[in-house]
Amino acid sequence: MSAAARKSVLVVTRHAQPGRSLARAALDTTLATAAFDQPVNLLFLGAGVLQLIPHQDSSAVGVRNLRKVIDSMPLYDVEHCYVDTDAAQRHGLTTADLPSGAILVDVAAQRALFDAHHHILGF
């Protein structure tokens, strides 16, 4: 595939996991994009950072924990996982809670991410 055909994609997830199909849709879209050999990054923004809480039990709402999928993203050539610094702090997440290789980004870095990608998909 030519470099021109490989447009970078940023998938932005803003919803907490339990009971939200949008959280799963964001991860599925990320994996599907990577499967088609497109450069893809994932940004957890706002309440989306709640998907990163380790060892969540979401069985009460009848959904599977998405953290295992998130942790496996590097195996599927997802280039980077970015995390909203302000939201992580607001929800009490520490770097130890984040997936391996996650990059904390402030508002300025988030703007740069949006500017650096050809396509932005929000969920």
N, C-alpha and C. Protein backbone atom coordinates (compact mmCIF):
# COMPACT_ATOMS: atom_id res chain seq x y z
N MET A 1 0.85 -1.17 0.00
CA MET A 1 0.00 0.00 0.00
C MET A 1 0.90 1.23 0.00
N SER A 2 0.58 2.19 -0.83
CA SER A 2 1.39 3.40 -0.91
C SER A 2 1.24 4.25 0.35
N ALA A 3 2.24 5.06 0.60
CA ALA A 3 2.20 5.93 1.78
C ALA A 3 1.02 6.89 1.71
N ALA A 4 0.67 7.34 0.50
CA ALA A 4 -0.45 8.27 0.36
C ALA A 4 -1.78 7.62 0.75
N ALA A 5 -1.89 6.31 0.52
CA ALA A 5 -3.13 5.61 0.84
C ALA A 5 -3.24 5.31 2.34
N ARG A 6 -2.16 5.39 3.06
CA ARG A 6 -2.15 5.08 4.48
C ARG A 6 -2.40 6.34 5.28
N LYS A 7 -3.63 6.69 5.44
CA LYS A 7 -4.02 7.88 6.19
C LYS A 7 -4.09 7.53 7.67
N SER A 8 -3.52 8.37 8.51
CA SER A 8 -3.54 8.10 9.95
C SER A 8 -4.92 8.39 10.53
N VAL A 9 -5.29 7.55 11.50
CA VAL A 9 -6.60 7.63 12.13
C VAL A 9 -6.41 7.78 13.64
N LEU A 10 -7.17 8.69 14.22
CA LEU A 10 -7.21 8.84 15.67
C LEU A 10 -8.63 8.48 16.11
N VAL A 11 -8.74 7.44 16.93
CA VAL A 11 -10.03 7.05 17.50
C VAL A 11 -10.11 7.65 18.90
N VAL A 12 -11.18 8.40 19.14
CA VAL A 12 -11.37 9.08 20.43
C VAL A 12 -12.55 8.43 21.13
N THR A 13 -12.30 7.94 22.35
CA THR A 13 -13.37 7.33 23.13
C THR A 13 -13.62 8.19 24.37
N ARG A 14 -14.89 8.58 24.56
CA ARG A 14 -15.26 9.50 25.64
C ARG A 14 -16.25 8.92 26.63
N HIS A 15 -16.55 7.64 26.50
CA HIS A 15 -17.59 7.04 27.34
C HIS A 15 -17.01 5.97 28.24
N ALA A 16 -17.53 5.92 29.45
CA ALA A 16 -17.15 4.88 30.39
C ALA A 16 -17.69 3.55 29.89
N GLN A 17 -17.08 2.47 30.29
CA GLN A 17 -17.43 1.16 29.77
C GLN A 17 -18.80 0.62 30.16
N PRO A 18 -19.12 0.45 31.43
CA PRO A 18 -20.30 -0.33 31.78
C PRO A 18 -21.58 0.13 31.10
N GLY A 19 -22.17 -0.79 30.36
CA GLY A 19 -23.45 -0.53 29.71
C GLY A 19 -23.37 0.34 28.48
N ARG A 20 -22.19 0.71 28.04
CA ARG A 20 -22.04 1.60 26.90
C ARG A 20 -21.50 0.86 25.69
N SER A 21 -22.28 0.73 24.66
CA SER A 21 -21.79 0.07 23.46
C SER A 21 -20.78 0.95 22.73
N LEU A 22 -20.80 2.26 22.98
CA LEU A 22 -19.85 3.16 22.32
C LEU A 22 -18.41 2.85 22.73
N ALA A 23 -18.20 2.46 23.97
CA ALA A 23 -16.85 2.12 24.42
C ALA A 23 -16.33 0.93 23.62
N ARG A 24 -17.15 -0.09 23.47
CA ARG A 24 -16.76 -1.28 22.71
C ARG A 24 -16.60 -0.93 21.23
N ALA A 25 -17.47 -0.10 20.69
CA ALA A 25 -17.39 0.29 19.28
C ALA A 25 -16.07 1.00 18.99
N ALA A 26 -15.61 1.83 19.90
CA ALA A 26 -14.34 2.53 19.71
C ALA A 26 -13.18 1.54 19.63
N LEU A 27 -13.19 0.55 20.50
CA LEU A 27 -12.12 -0.45 20.49
C LEU A 27 -12.20 -1.32 19.24
N ASP A 28 -13.41 -1.73 18.86
CA ASP A 28 -13.58 -2.55 17.65
C ASP A 28 -13.12 -1.79 16.41
N THR A 29 -13.44 -0.52 16.34
CA THR A 29 -13.04 0.31 15.21
C THR A 29 -11.51 0.45 15.16
N THR A 30 -10.91 0.61 16.31
CA THR A 30 -9.45 0.71 16.38
C THR A 30 -8.81 -0.57 15.87
N LEU A 31 -9.31 -1.71 16.33
CA LEU A 31 -8.74 -2.98 15.90
C LEU A 31 -8.97 -3.24 14.41
N ALA A 32 -10.15 -2.89 13.92
CA ALA A 32 -10.46 -3.08 12.50
C ALA A 32 -9.57 -2.20 11.63
N THR A 33 -9.34 -0.98 12.06
CA THR A 33 -8.48 -0.06 11.31
C THR A 33 -7.06 -0.61 11.25
N ALA A 34 -6.57 -1.10 12.37
CA ALA A 34 -5.22 -1.68 12.41
C ALA A 34 -5.14 -2.93 11.54
N ALA A 35 -6.21 -3.73 11.49
CA ALA A 35 -6.23 -4.94 10.68
C ALA A 35 -6.10 -4.64 9.19
N PHE A 36 -6.54 -3.45 8.79
CA PHE A 36 -6.42 -3.04 7.39
C PHE A 36 -5.14 -2.24 7.14
N ASP A 37 -4.18 -2.42 8.04
CA ASP A 37 -2.85 -1.84 7.89
C ASP A 37 -2.85 -0.32 7.80
N GLN A 38 -3.78 0.31 8.51
CA GLN A 38 -3.82 1.77 8.58
C GLN A 38 -3.20 2.20 9.90
N PRO A 39 -2.39 3.24 9.90
CA PRO A 39 -1.84 3.74 11.17
C PRO A 39 -2.97 4.27 12.04
N VAL A 40 -3.07 3.76 13.25
CA VAL A 40 -4.17 4.15 14.14
C VAL A 40 -3.66 4.36 15.55
N ASN A 41 -4.20 5.39 16.18
CA ASN A 41 -3.93 5.69 17.59
C ASN A 41 -5.26 5.81 18.31
N LEU A 42 -5.22 5.63 19.61
CA LEU A 42 -6.42 5.65 20.44
C LEU A 42 -6.24 6.69 21.54
N LEU A 43 -7.26 7.56 21.71
CA LEU A 43 -7.23 8.59 22.74
C LEU A 43 -8.40 8.39 23.68
N PHE A 44 -8.11 8.21 24.97
CA PHE A 44 -9.14 8.13 26.00
C PHE A 44 -9.32 9.53 26.56
N LEU A 45 -10.50 10.08 26.36
CA LEU A 45 -10.77 11.47 26.70
C LEU A 45 -11.94 11.54 27.68
N GLY A 46 -11.87 12.45 28.66
CA GLY A 46 -12.98 12.63 29.60
C GLY A 46 -13.32 11.33 30.32
N ALA A 47 -14.62 11.00 30.35
CA ALA A 47 -15.07 9.79 31.04
C ALA A 47 -14.53 8.52 30.41
N GLY A 48 -14.00 8.61 29.20
CA GLY A 48 -13.41 7.44 28.55
C GLY A 48 -12.25 6.84 29.32
N VAL A 49 -11.59 7.65 30.15
CA VAL A 49 -10.47 7.12 30.94
C VAL A 49 -10.95 6.08 31.96
N LEU A 50 -12.23 6.09 32.27
CA LEU A 50 -12.75 5.10 33.23
C LEU A 50 -12.66 3.67 32.68
N GLN A 51 -12.53 3.53 31.37
CA GLN A 51 -12.32 2.21 30.78
C GLN A 51 -10.98 1.61 31.21
N LEU A 52 -10.08 2.46 31.67
CA LEU A 52 -8.73 2.03 32.00
C LEU A 52 -8.57 1.54 33.43
N ILE A 53 -9.60 1.67 34.24
CA ILE A 53 -9.50 1.20 35.62
C ILE A 53 -9.25 -0.31 35.60
N PRO A 54 -8.16 -0.75 36.20
CA PRO A 54 -7.86 -2.18 36.17
C PRO A 54 -8.83 -2.99 37.04
N HIS A 55 -9.05 -4.21 36.64
CA HIS A 55 -9.84 -5.19 37.40
C HIS A 55 -11.28 -4.74 37.66
N GLN A 56 -11.90 -4.10 36.68
CA GLN A 56 -13.31 -3.72 36.82
C GLN A 56 -14.19 -4.96 36.73
N ASP A 57 -15.27 -4.96 37.48
CA ASP A 57 -16.26 -6.03 37.37
C ASP A 57 -17.53 -5.42 36.80
N SER A 58 -17.72 -5.62 35.51
CA SER A 58 -18.90 -5.06 34.84
C SER A 58 -19.95 -6.13 34.56
N SER A 59 -19.81 -7.27 35.21
CA SER A 59 -20.76 -8.37 34.98
C SER A 59 -22.17 -8.01 35.43
N ALA A 60 -22.32 -7.10 36.38
CA ALA A 60 -23.64 -6.71 36.87
C ALA A 60 -24.48 -6.06 35.77
N VAL A 61 -23.83 -5.44 34.80
CA VAL A 61 -24.56 -4.81 33.69
C VAL A 61 -24.50 -5.67 32.43
N GLY A 62 -23.97 -6.88 32.56
CA GLY A 62 -23.99 -7.83 31.46
C GLY A 62 -23.01 -7.58 30.34
N VAL A 63 -21.90 -6.90 30.62
CA VAL A 63 -20.88 -6.69 29.60
C VAL A 63 -19.53 -7.18 30.10
N ARG A 64 -18.66 -7.49 29.15
CA ARG A 64 -17.32 -7.94 29.51
C ARG A 64 -16.41 -6.74 29.74
N ASN A 65 -15.44 -6.93 30.60
CA ASN A 65 -14.45 -5.90 30.88
C ASN A 65 -13.60 -5.68 29.64
N LEU A 66 -13.48 -4.44 29.21
CA LEU A 66 -12.74 -4.12 28.01
C LEU A 66 -11.24 -3.94 28.24
N ARG A 67 -10.82 -3.93 29.47
CA ARG A 67 -9.40 -3.65 29.77
C ARG A 67 -8.49 -4.69 29.13
N LYS A 68 -8.92 -5.95 29.05
CA LYS A 68 -8.08 -6.96 28.42
C LYS A 68 -7.87 -6.65 26.94
N VAL A 69 -8.91 -6.15 26.30
CA VAL A 69 -8.79 -5.75 24.89
C VAL A 69 -7.83 -4.58 24.78
N ILE A 70 -7.97 -3.62 25.65
CA ILE A 70 -7.10 -2.43 25.64
C ILE A 70 -5.64 -2.85 25.85
N ASP A 71 -5.41 -3.75 26.79
CA ASP A 71 -4.04 -4.20 27.07
C ASP A 71 -3.43 -4.94 25.88
N SER A 72 -4.26 -5.51 25.02
CA SER A 72 -3.74 -6.28 23.88
C SER A 72 -3.52 -5.42 22.63
N MET A 73 -3.86 -4.16 22.67
CA MET A 73 -3.74 -3.29 21.49
C MET A 73 -2.35 -3.32 20.83
N PRO A 74 -1.24 -3.33 21.58
CA PRO A 74 0.06 -3.38 20.91
C PRO A 74 0.25 -4.63 20.03
N LEU A 75 -0.40 -5.71 20.37
CA LEU A 75 -0.31 -6.93 19.56
C LEU A 75 -0.94 -6.76 18.18
N TYR A 76 -1.83 -5.78 18.07
CA TYR A 76 -2.55 -5.53 16.82
C TYR A 76 -2.02 -4.30 16.08
N ASP A 77 -0.83 -3.89 16.44
CA ASP A 77 -0.15 -2.76 15.79
C ASP A 77 -0.87 -1.43 15.97
N VAL A 78 -1.58 -1.28 17.07
CA VAL A 78 -2.12 0.04 17.41
C VAL A 78 -0.92 0.84 17.90
N GLU A 79 -0.64 1.93 17.21
CA GLU A 79 0.62 2.62 17.43
C GLU A 79 0.76 3.18 18.84
N HIS A 80 -0.25 3.95 19.29
CA HIS A 80 -0.15 4.55 20.62
C HIS A 80 -1.52 4.63 21.28
N CYS A 81 -1.49 4.59 22.58
CA CYS A 81 -2.68 4.78 23.40
C CYS A 81 -2.42 6.05 24.22
N TYR A 82 -3.26 7.06 24.00
CA TYR A 82 -3.10 8.33 24.69
C TYR A 82 -4.20 8.49 25.74
N VAL A 83 -3.87 9.15 26.84
CA VAL A 83 -4.81 9.31 27.95
C VAL A 83 -4.84 10.78 28.37
N ASP A 84 -6.04 11.31 28.46
CA ASP A 84 -6.30 12.68 28.91
C ASP A 84 -5.77 12.84 30.33
N THR A 85 -4.73 13.65 30.51
CA THR A 85 -4.10 13.84 31.81
C THR A 85 -5.08 14.38 32.85
N ASP A 86 -5.84 15.42 32.50
CA ASP A 86 -6.77 16.02 33.45
C ASP A 86 -7.84 15.04 33.89
N ALA A 87 -8.39 14.28 32.96
CA ALA A 87 -9.44 13.31 33.30
C ALA A 87 -8.87 12.18 34.16
N ALA A 88 -7.67 11.72 33.85
CA ALA A 88 -7.05 10.66 34.65
C ALA A 88 -6.88 11.14 36.10
N GLN A 89 -6.39 12.36 36.27
CA GLN A 89 -6.22 12.90 37.62
C GLN A 89 -7.56 13.07 38.32
N ARG A 90 -8.54 13.57 37.60
CA ARG A 90 -9.87 13.81 38.17
C ARG A 90 -10.51 12.50 38.66
N HIS A 91 -10.24 11.41 37.97
CA HIS A 91 -10.83 10.12 38.33
C HIS A 91 -9.89 9.26 39.17
N GLY A 92 -8.77 9.84 39.60
CA GLY A 92 -7.86 9.16 40.53
C GLY A 92 -7.01 8.07 39.91
N LEU A 93 -6.82 8.10 38.60
CA LEU A 93 -5.96 7.11 37.96
C LEU A 93 -4.50 7.54 38.05
N THR A 94 -3.65 6.59 38.34
CA THR A 94 -2.21 6.85 38.38
C THR A 94 -1.57 6.17 37.18
N THR A 95 -0.30 6.44 36.95
CA THR A 95 0.38 5.80 35.82
C THR A 95 0.41 4.28 36.00
N ALA A 96 0.40 3.80 37.23
CA ALA A 96 0.37 2.36 37.48
C ALA A 96 -0.94 1.73 37.02
N ASP A 97 -2.02 2.51 36.96
CA ASP A 97 -3.32 2.00 36.52
C ASP A 97 -3.43 1.91 35.01
N LEU A 98 -2.58 2.63 34.30
CA LEU A 98 -2.70 2.75 32.85
C LEU A 98 -2.09 1.56 32.13
N PRO A 99 -2.54 1.29 30.92
CA PRO A 99 -1.93 0.21 30.13
C PRO A 99 -0.46 0.50 29.87
N SER A 100 0.29 -0.55 29.68
CA SER A 100 1.70 -0.41 29.38
C SER A 100 1.89 0.45 28.13
N GLY A 101 2.76 1.42 28.21
CA GLY A 101 3.04 2.27 27.07
C GLY A 101 2.07 3.41 26.85
N ALA A 102 1.07 3.56 27.72
CA ALA A 102 0.11 4.67 27.58
C ALA A 102 0.84 5.99 27.77
N ILE A 103 0.39 6.98 27.02
CA ILE A 103 1.02 8.31 27.07
C ILE A 103 0.00 9.32 27.57
N LEU A 104 0.32 9.97 28.68
CA LEU A 104 -0.56 11.01 29.21
C LEU A 104 -0.40 12.27 28.35
N VAL A 105 -1.53 12.90 28.00
CA VAL A 105 -1.49 14.10 27.15
C VAL A 105 -2.36 15.19 27.75
N ASP A 106 -1.78 16.40 27.82
CA ASP A 106 -2.55 17.55 28.29
C ASP A 106 -3.34 18.14 27.11
N VAL A 107 -4.04 19.23 27.35
CA VAL A 107 -4.91 19.83 26.33
C VAL A 107 -4.11 20.23 25.08
N ALA A 108 -2.94 20.82 25.27
CA ALA A 108 -2.14 21.23 24.11
C ALA A 108 -1.70 20.02 23.29
N ALA A 109 -1.30 18.96 23.95
CA ALA A 109 -0.89 17.74 23.24
C ALA A 109 -2.08 17.09 22.55
N GLN A 110 -3.27 17.20 23.15
CA GLN A 110 -4.47 16.65 22.50
C GLN A 110 -4.75 17.41 21.20
N ARG A 111 -4.64 18.72 21.24
CA ARG A 111 -4.84 19.52 20.02
C ARG A 111 -3.84 19.11 18.95
N ALA A 112 -2.61 18.89 19.36
CA ALA A 112 -1.58 18.46 18.41
C ALA A 112 -1.92 17.10 17.81
N LEU A 113 -2.48 16.21 18.62
CA LEU A 113 -2.90 14.90 18.11
C LEU A 113 -3.98 15.06 17.05
N PHE A 114 -4.97 15.90 17.33
CA PHE A 114 -6.04 16.12 16.37
C PHE A 114 -5.48 16.68 15.06
N ASP A 115 -4.54 17.60 15.18
CA ASP A 115 -3.95 18.21 13.99
C ASP A 115 -3.08 17.23 13.19
N ALA A 116 -2.49 16.26 13.87
CA ALA A 116 -1.53 15.35 13.24
C ALA A 116 -2.17 14.18 12.50
N HIS A 117 -3.47 13.97 12.68
CA HIS A 117 -4.13 12.82 12.05
C HIS A 117 -5.01 13.25 10.88
N HIS A 118 -5.10 12.37 9.89
CA HIS A 118 -5.94 12.65 8.72
C HIS A 118 -7.42 12.47 9.03
N HIS A 119 -7.74 11.48 9.86
CA HIS A 119 -9.13 11.18 10.19
C HIS A 119 -9.29 11.08 11.70
N ILE A 120 -10.39 11.65 12.21
CA ILE A 120 -10.72 11.58 13.64
C ILE A 120 -12.07 10.87 13.74
N LEU A 121 -12.13 9.80 14.51
CA LEU A 121 -13.38 9.07 14.73
C LEU A 121 -13.71 9.17 16.21
N GLY A 122 -14.84 9.74 16.54
CA GLY A 122 -15.23 9.93 17.94
C GLY A 122 -16.34 9.00 18.34
N PHE A 123 -16.21 8.45 19.54
CA PHE A 123 -17.23 7.56 20.12
C PHE A 123 -17.55 7.99 21.52
